[in-house]
Amino acid sequence: MSIYFVDTKKYTHTLEGKTFTVELNNWAQQASGSVLVRLGDTLVLSNAKPGPLMKPYS
């Protein structure tokens, strides 16, 4: 299993007095990409993985 390490990219903004943070990294090693989103005390981890290539219709 190969592991690709990606530099963490972090973006922060303040919305209505709460800190909104988006962090891009490779927390989910089997996924192609993952993002960690925080708003105040709420935290969401989302992952993306491509599916198999579609075959053209005949």
Protein backbone atom coordinates (compact mmCIF):
# COMPACT_ATOMS: atom_id res chain seq x y z
CA MET A 1 0.00 0.00 0.00
CA SER A 2 1.48 3.31 -1.00
CA ILE A 3 0.80 6.38 1.09
CA TYR A 4 1.02 9.86 -0.40
CA PHE A 5 1.62 12.63 2.09
CA VAL A 6 0.17 15.98 1.17
CA ASP A 7 1.08 19.27 2.75
CA THR A 8 -1.80 20.42 4.93
CA LYS A 9 -3.60 23.46 3.59
CA LYS A 10 -5.61 25.38 6.16
CA TYR A 11 -8.06 28.21 5.50
CA THR A 12 -9.68 30.13 8.35
CA HIS A 13 -12.43 32.75 8.42
CA THR A 14 -14.68 34.21 11.11
CA LEU A 15 -18.44 33.92 10.60
CA GLU A 16 -20.81 35.55 13.11
CA GLY A 17 -18.22 35.31 15.87
CA LYS A 18 -17.39 31.63 15.20
CA THR A 19 -14.23 30.37 13.55
CA PHE A 20 -14.79 28.56 10.25
CA THR A 21 -11.82 26.37 9.29
CA VAL A 22 -11.22 24.16 6.25
CA GLU A 23 -8.22 21.80 6.33
CA LEU A 24 -7.15 19.77 3.29
CA ASN A 25 -5.01 16.72 4.01
CA ASN A 26 -4.86 12.95 3.54
CA TRP A 27 -6.42 11.69 6.78
CA ALA A 28 -8.31 8.97 4.92
CA GLN A 29 -5.42 7.16 3.25
CA GLN A 30 -7.60 5.04 0.96
CA ALA A 31 -9.45 8.07 -0.39
CA SER A 32 -8.16 10.38 -3.10
CA GLY A 33 -8.86 13.43 -1.01
CA SER A 34 -10.22 14.45 2.37
CA VAL A 35 -11.26 17.69 3.99
CA LEU A 36 -11.90 18.54 7.62
CA VAL A 37 -14.38 21.39 8.16
CA ARG A 38 -14.94 23.07 11.53
CA LEU A 39 -17.46 25.70 12.56
CA GLY A 40 -17.41 26.45 16.26
CA ASP A 41 -17.78 23.12 18.06
CA THR A 42 -19.00 21.24 14.96
CA LEU A 43 -16.52 19.08 13.03
CA VAL A 44 -17.10 17.23 9.72
CA LEU A 45 -14.68 14.93 7.87
CA SER A 46 -15.49 14.31 4.21
CA ASN A 47 -13.64 11.92 1.87
CA ALA A 48 -13.71 11.39 -1.88
CA LYS A 49 -12.71 8.35 -3.90
CA PRO A 50 -13.24 7.91 -7.64
CA GLY A 51 -15.32 4.99 -8.77
CA PRO A 52 -14.39 2.56 -11.53
CA LEU A 53 -14.17 3.96 -15.02
CA MET A 54 -17.45 3.88 -16.88
CA LYS A 55 -17.63 1.80 -20.02
CA PRO A 56 -19.08 3.55 -23.08
CA TYR A 57 -22.56 2.50 -24.14
CA SER A 58 -22.62 0.37 -27.28
